[in-house]
Structure formats: C-alpha cells, structure tokens
PDB file of all heavy atoms in Angstrom:
ATOM      1  N   ILE A   1      18.890  51.983 -12.183  1.00  0.00           N
ATOM      2  CA  ILE A   1      20.195  52.462 -11.712  1.00  0.00           C
ATOM      3  C   ILE A   1      20.899  51.370 -10.922  1.00  0.00           C
ATOM      4  O   ILE A   1      22.107  51.153 -11.081  1.00  0.00           O
ATOM      5  CB  ILE A   1      20.022  53.743 -10.866  1.00  0.00           C
ATOM      6  CG1 ILE A   1      19.666  54.912 -11.782  1.00  0.00           C
ATOM      7  CG2 ILE A   1      21.259  54.035 -10.043  1.00  0.00           C
ATOM      8  CD1 ILE A   1      19.194  56.146 -11.050  1.00  0.00           C
ATOM      9  N   PHE A   2      20.172  50.679 -10.083  1.00  0.00           N
ATOM     10  CA  PHE A   2      20.768  49.610  -9.279  1.00  0.00           C
ATOM     11  C   PHE A   2      21.340  48.521 -10.178  1.00  0.00           C
ATOM     12  O   PHE A   2      22.468  48.052  -9.970  1.00  0.00           O
ATOM     13  CB  PHE A   2      19.731  49.025  -8.323  1.00  0.00           C
ATOM     14  CG  PHE A   2      20.286  47.985  -7.395  1.00  0.00           C
ATOM     15  CD1 PHE A   2      20.969  48.361  -6.250  1.00  0.00           C
ATOM     16  CD2 PHE A   2      20.135  46.648  -7.662  1.00  0.00           C
ATOM     17  CE1 PHE A   2      21.493  47.406  -5.388  1.00  0.00           C
ATOM     18  CE2 PHE A   2      20.656  45.683  -6.812  1.00  0.00           C
ATOM     19  CZ  PHE A   2      21.333  46.067  -5.670  1.00  0.00           C
ATOM     20  N   LEU A   3      20.594  48.135 -11.195  1.00  0.00           N
ATOM     21  CA  LEU A   3      21.060  47.080 -12.096  1.00  0.00           C
ATOM     22  C   LEU A   3      22.226  47.544 -12.965  1.00  0.00           C
ATOM     23  O   LEU A   3      23.179  46.801 -13.202  1.00  0.00           O
ATOM     24  CB  LEU A   3      19.913  46.595 -12.976  1.00  0.00           C
ATOM     25  CG  LEU A   3      18.816  45.823 -12.256  1.00  0.00           C
ATOM     26  CD1 LEU A   3      17.678  45.494 -13.212  1.00  0.00           C
ATOM     27  CD2 LEU A   3      19.379  44.556 -11.630  1.00  0.00           C
ATOM     28  N   GLU A   4      22.165  48.780 -13.434  1.00  0.00           N
ATOM     29  CA  GLU A   4      23.208  49.298 -14.316  1.00  0.00           C
ATOM     30  C   GLU A   4      24.509  49.582 -13.572  1.00  0.00           C
ATOM     31  O   GLU A   4      25.575  49.623 -14.191  1.00  0.00           O
ATOM     32  CB  GLU A   4      22.739  50.590 -14.994  1.00  0.00           C
ATOM     33  CG  GLU A   4      21.617  50.390 -15.977  1.00  0.00           C
ATOM     34  CD  GLU A   4      20.954  51.702 -16.385  1.00  0.00           C
ATOM     35  OE1 GLU A   4      21.420  52.786 -15.957  1.00  0.00           O
ATOM     36  OE2 GLU A   4      19.963  51.647 -17.123  1.00  0.00           O
ATOM     37  N   GLY A   5      24.427  49.777 -12.277  1.00  0.00           N
ATOM     38  CA  GLY A   5      25.608  50.140 -11.496  1.00  0.00           C
ATOM     39  C   GLY A   5      26.707  49.101 -11.509  1.00  0.00           C
ATOM     40  O   GLY A   5      27.875  49.419 -11.340  1.00  0.00           O
ATOM     41  N   GLY A   6      26.354  47.850 -11.676  1.00  0.00           N
ATOM     42  CA  GLY A   6      27.330  46.780 -11.776  1.00  0.00           C
ATOM     43  C   GLY A   6      27.811  46.201 -10.453  1.00  0.00           C
ATOM     44  O   GLY A   6      28.585  45.242 -10.447  1.00  0.00           O
ATOM     45  N   ALA A   7      27.380  46.757  -9.349  1.00  0.00           N
ATOM     46  CA  ALA A   7      27.849  46.265  -8.048  1.00  0.00           C
ATOM     47  C   ALA A   7      27.393  44.835  -7.792  1.00  0.00           C
ATOM     48  O   ALA A   7      28.134  44.035  -7.212  1.00  0.00           O
ATOM     49  CB  ALA A   7      27.368  47.181  -6.928  1.00  0.00           C
ATOM     50  N   TYR A   8      26.194  44.516  -8.241  1.00  0.00           N
ATOM     51  CA  TYR A   8      25.658  43.179  -7.991  1.00  0.00           C
ATOM     52  C   TYR A   8      26.532  42.106  -8.639  1.00  0.00           C
ATOM     53  O   TYR A   8      26.854  41.096  -8.027  1.00  0.00           O
ATOM     54  CB  TYR A   8      24.222  43.100  -8.499  1.00  0.00           C
ATOM     55  CG  TYR A   8      23.423  41.983  -7.895  1.00  0.00           C
ATOM     56  CD1 TYR A   8      22.937  42.087  -6.598  1.00  0.00           C
ATOM     57  CD2 TYR A   8      23.186  40.817  -8.600  1.00  0.00           C
ATOM     58  CE1 TYR A   8      22.217  41.058  -6.027  1.00  0.00           C
ATOM     59  CE2 TYR A   8      22.469  39.772  -8.036  1.00  0.00           C
ATOM     60  CZ  TYR A   8      21.985  39.898  -6.755  1.00  0.00           C
ATOM     61  OH  TYR A   8      21.291  38.873  -6.187  1.00  0.00           O
ATOM     62  N   GLU A   9      26.939  42.345  -9.877  1.00  0.00           N
ATOM     63  CA  GLU A   9      27.779  41.381 -10.580  1.00  0.00           C
ATOM     64  C   GLU A   9      29.178  41.303  -9.960  1.00  0.00           C
ATOM     65  O   GLU A   9      29.749  40.224  -9.829  1.00  0.00           O
ATOM     66  CB  GLU A   9      27.903  41.744 -12.063  1.00  0.00           C
ATOM     67  CG  GLU A   9      26.618  41.604 -12.843  1.00  0.00           C
ATOM     68  CD  GLU A   9      25.708  42.825 -12.725  1.00  0.00           C
ATOM     69  OE1 GLU A   9      26.068  43.810 -12.030  1.00  0.00           O
ATOM     70  OE2 GLU A   9      24.628  42.789 -13.319  1.00  0.00           O
ATOM     71  N   LEU A  10      29.718  42.455  -9.598  1.00  0.00           N
ATOM     72  CA  LEU A  10      31.052  42.486  -9.004  1.00  0.00           C
ATOM     73  C   LEU A  10      31.082  41.776  -7.652  1.00  0.00           C
ATOM     74  O   LEU A  10      32.121  41.265  -7.236  1.00  0.00           O
ATOM     75  CB  LEU A  10      31.541  43.929  -8.858  1.00  0.00           C
ATOM     76  CG  LEU A  10      31.930  44.617 -10.162  1.00  0.00           C
ATOM     77  CD1 LEU A  10      32.151  46.103  -9.930  1.00  0.00           C
ATOM     78  CD2 LEU A  10      33.155  43.974 -10.769  1.00  0.00           C
ATOM     79  N   ARG A  11      29.936  41.733  -6.982  1.00  0.00           N
ATOM     80  CA  ARG A  11      29.864  41.060  -5.690  1.00  0.00           C
ATOM     81  C   ARG A  11      30.253  39.588  -5.822  1.00  0.00           C
ATOM     82  O   ARG A  11      30.916  39.026  -4.947  1.00  0.00           O
ATOM     83  CB  ARG A  11      28.460  41.176  -5.124  1.00  0.00           C
ATOM     84  CG  ARG A  11      28.296  40.514  -3.783  1.00  0.00           C
ATOM     85  CD  ARG A  11      26.854  40.647  -3.299  1.00  0.00           C
ATOM     86  NE  ARG A  11      26.507  39.489  -2.537  1.00  0.00           N
ATOM     87  CZ  ARG A  11      25.876  38.422  -3.002  1.00  0.00           C
ATOM     88  NH1 ARG A  11      25.503  38.356  -4.250  1.00  0.00           N
ATOM     89  NH2 ARG A  11      25.598  37.405  -2.237  1.00  0.00           N
ATOM     90  N   TYR A  12      29.886  38.955  -6.919  1.00  0.00           N
ATOM     91  CA  TYR A  12      30.246  37.553  -7.115  1.00  0.00           C
ATOM     92  C   TYR A  12      31.751  37.402  -7.325  1.00  0.00           C
ATOM     93  O   TYR A  12      32.356  36.444  -6.840  1.00  0.00           O
ATOM     94  CB  TYR A  12      29.474  36.956  -8.297  1.00  0.00           C
ATOM     95  CG  TYR A  12      28.015  36.789  -7.972  1.00  0.00           C
ATOM     96  CD1 TYR A  12      27.053  37.591  -8.549  1.00  0.00           C
ATOM     97  CD2 TYR A  12      27.600  35.836  -7.043  1.00  0.00           C
ATOM     98  CE1 TYR A  12      25.715  37.446  -8.237  1.00  0.00           C
ATOM     99  CE2 TYR A  12      26.262  35.688  -6.717  1.00  0.00           C
ATOM    100  CZ  TYR A  12      25.325  36.492  -7.319  1.00  0.00           C
ATOM    101  OH  TYR A  12      24.012  36.354  -6.997  1.00  0.00           O
ATOM    102  N   GLN A  13      32.364  38.333  -8.017  1.00  0.00           N
ATOM    103  CA  GLN A  13      33.816  38.303  -8.158  1.00  0.00           C
ATOM    104  C   GLN A  13      34.480  38.508  -6.802  1.00  0.00           C
ATOM    105  O   GLN A  13      35.502  37.884  -6.500  1.00  0.00           O
ATOM    106  CB  GLN A  13      34.285  39.375  -9.136  1.00  0.00           C
ATOM    107  CG  GLN A  13      33.909  39.082 -10.571  1.00  0.00           C
ATOM    108  CD  GLN A  13      34.429  40.152 -11.504  1.00  0.00           C
ATOM    109  OE1 GLN A  13      35.527  40.666 -11.313  1.00  0.00           O
ATOM    110  NE2 GLN A  13      33.650  40.496 -12.499  1.00  0.00           N
ATOM    111  N   MET A  14      33.891  39.390  -5.999  1.00  0.00           N
ATOM    112  CA  MET A  14      34.416  39.615  -4.651  1.00  0.00           C
ATOM    113  C   MET A  14      34.372  38.308  -3.849  1.00  0.00           C
ATOM    114  O   MET A  14      35.321  37.979  -3.151  1.00  0.00           O
ATOM    115  CB  MET A  14      33.604  40.691  -3.926  1.00  0.00           C
ATOM    116  CG  MET A  14      33.733  42.072  -4.507  1.00  0.00           C
ATOM    117  SD  MET A  14      35.325  42.811  -4.220  1.00  0.00           S
ATOM    118  CE  MET A  14      35.233  43.087  -2.468  1.00  0.00           C
ATOM    119  N   ALA A  15      33.277  37.583  -3.960  1.00  0.00           N
ATOM    120  CA  ALA A  15      33.121  36.339  -3.204  1.00  0.00           C
ATOM    121  C   ALA A  15      34.186  35.314  -3.586  1.00  0.00           C
ATOM    122  O   ALA A  15      34.604  34.509  -2.750  1.00  0.00           O
ATOM    123  CB  ALA A  15      31.729  35.764  -3.429  1.00  0.00           C
ATOM    124  N   LEU A  16      34.656  35.363  -4.826  1.00  0.00           N
ATOM    125  CA  LEU A  16      35.662  34.412  -5.276  1.00  0.00           C
ATOM    126  C   LEU A  16      37.097  34.869  -4.999  1.00  0.00           C
ATOM    127  O   LEU A  16      37.987  34.043  -4.832  1.00  0.00           O
ATOM    128  CB  LEU A  16      35.519  34.179  -6.793  1.00  0.00           C
ATOM    129  CG  LEU A  16      34.244  33.494  -7.239  1.00  0.00           C
ATOM    130  CD1 LEU A  16      34.159  33.489  -8.752  1.00  0.00           C
ATOM    131  CD2 LEU A  16      34.159  32.085  -6.688  1.00  0.00           C
ATOM    132  N   THR A  17      37.308  36.165  -4.937  1.00  0.00           N
ATOM    133  CA  THR A  17      38.667  36.699  -4.901  1.00  0.00           C
ATOM    134  C   THR A  17      39.078  37.260  -3.553  1.00  0.00           C
ATOM    135  O   THR A  17      40.228  37.116  -3.147  1.00  0.00           O
ATOM    136  CB  THR A  17      38.801  37.812  -5.972  1.00  0.00           C
ATOM    137  OG1 THR A  17      38.403  37.275  -7.227  1.00  0.00           O
ATOM    138  CG2 THR A  17      40.205  38.322  -6.073  1.00  0.00           C
ATOM    139  N   ALA A  18      38.165  37.911  -2.871  1.00  0.00           N
ATOM    140  CA  ALA A  18      38.508  38.646  -1.648  1.00  0.00           C
ATOM    141  C   ALA A  18      38.628  37.715  -0.442  1.00  0.00           C
ATOM    142  O   ALA A  18      38.155  36.578  -0.454  1.00  0.00           O
ATOM    143  CB  ALA A  18      37.454  39.708  -1.378  1.00  0.00           C
ATOM    144  N   THR A  19      39.240  38.243   0.602  1.00  0.00           N
ATOM    145  CA  THR A  19      39.324  37.511   1.863  1.00  0.00           C
ATOM    146  C   THR A  19      37.948  37.531   2.544  1.00  0.00           C
ATOM    147  O   THR A  19      37.102  38.367   2.230  1.00  0.00           O
ATOM    148  CB  THR A  19      40.371  38.153   2.784  1.00  0.00           C
ATOM    149  OG1 THR A  19      39.989  39.514   3.025  1.00  0.00           O
ATOM    150  CG2 THR A  19      41.758  38.101   2.163  1.00  0.00           C
ATOM    151  N   ALA A  20      37.760  36.628   3.484  1.00  0.00           N
ATOM    152  CA  ALA A  20      36.457  36.499   4.151  1.00  0.00           C
ATOM    153  C   ALA A  20      35.960  37.798   4.798  1.00  0.00           C
ATOM    154  O   ALA A  20      34.788  38.154   4.627  1.00  0.00           O
ATOM    155  CB  ALA A  20      36.500  35.369   5.172  1.00  0.00           C
ATOM    156  N   PRO A  21      36.800  38.553   5.524  1.00  0.00           N
ATOM    157  CA  PRO A  21      36.293  39.801   6.119  1.00  0.00           C
ATOM    158  C   PRO A  21      35.848  40.817   5.057  1.00  0.00           C
ATOM    159  O   PRO A  21      34.847  41.498   5.240  1.00  0.00           O
ATOM    160  CB  PRO A  21      37.487  40.342   6.916  1.00  0.00           C
ATOM    161  CG  PRO A  21      38.378  39.179   7.146  1.00  0.00           C
ATOM    162  CD  PRO A  21      38.168  38.265   5.978  1.00  0.00           C
ATOM    163  N   VAL A  22      36.578  40.890   3.955  1.00  0.00           N
ATOM    164  CA  VAL A  22      36.210  41.820   2.888  1.00  0.00           C
ATOM    165  C   VAL A  22      34.905  41.379   2.235  1.00  0.00           C
ATOM    166  O   VAL A  22      34.034  42.209   1.942  1.00  0.00           O
ATOM    167  CB  VAL A  22      37.347  41.963   1.848  1.00  0.00           C
ATOM    168  CG1 VAL A  22      36.903  42.797   0.652  1.00  0.00           C
ATOM    169  CG2 VAL A  22      38.583  42.571   2.495  1.00  0.00           C
ATOM    170  N   VAL A  23      34.740  40.093   2.018  1.00  0.00           N
ATOM    171  CA  VAL A  23      33.488  39.581   1.434  1.00  0.00           C
ATOM    172  C   VAL A  23      32.315  39.923   2.343  1.00  0.00           C
ATOM    173  O   VAL A  23      31.260  40.362   1.877  1.00  0.00           O
ATOM    174  CB  VAL A  23      33.566  38.056   1.189  1.00  0.00           C
ATOM    175  CG1 VAL A  23      32.209  37.489   0.806  1.00  0.00           C
ATOM    176  CG2 VAL A  23      34.592  37.748   0.108  1.00  0.00           C
ATOM    177  N   GLU A  24      32.496  39.736   3.636  1.00  0.00           N
ATOM    178  CA  GLU A  24      31.426  40.049   4.595  1.00  0.00           C
ATOM    179  C   GLU A  24      31.025  41.525   4.507  1.00  0.00           C
ATOM    180  O   GLU A  24      29.842  41.857   4.434  1.00  0.00           O
ATOM    181  CB  GLU A  24      31.900  39.716   6.009  1.00  0.00           C
ATOM    182  CG  GLU A  24      30.874  39.982   7.085  1.00  0.00           C
ATOM    183  CD  GLU A  24      31.435  39.665   8.467  1.00  0.00           C
ATOM    184  OE1 GLU A  24      32.232  38.734   8.602  1.00  0.00           O
ATOM    185  OE2 GLU A  24      31.052  40.381   9.411  1.00  0.00           O
TER     186      GLU A  24
END
C-alpha cells in the first residue's frame, strides 16, 4: 500500500517544485 500510494514518488516532484517550507 505504501509503495502503490505514490506519495514517495511525488515527494521528489515536491522537492523540485515547492517552496522550502512546503518541502519541509
């Protein structure tokens, strides 16, 4: 479930796109 949820992959997009407080 953890792997299929997709949050882990989206976290890398967050690191590239979001502001520093949101990434944190």
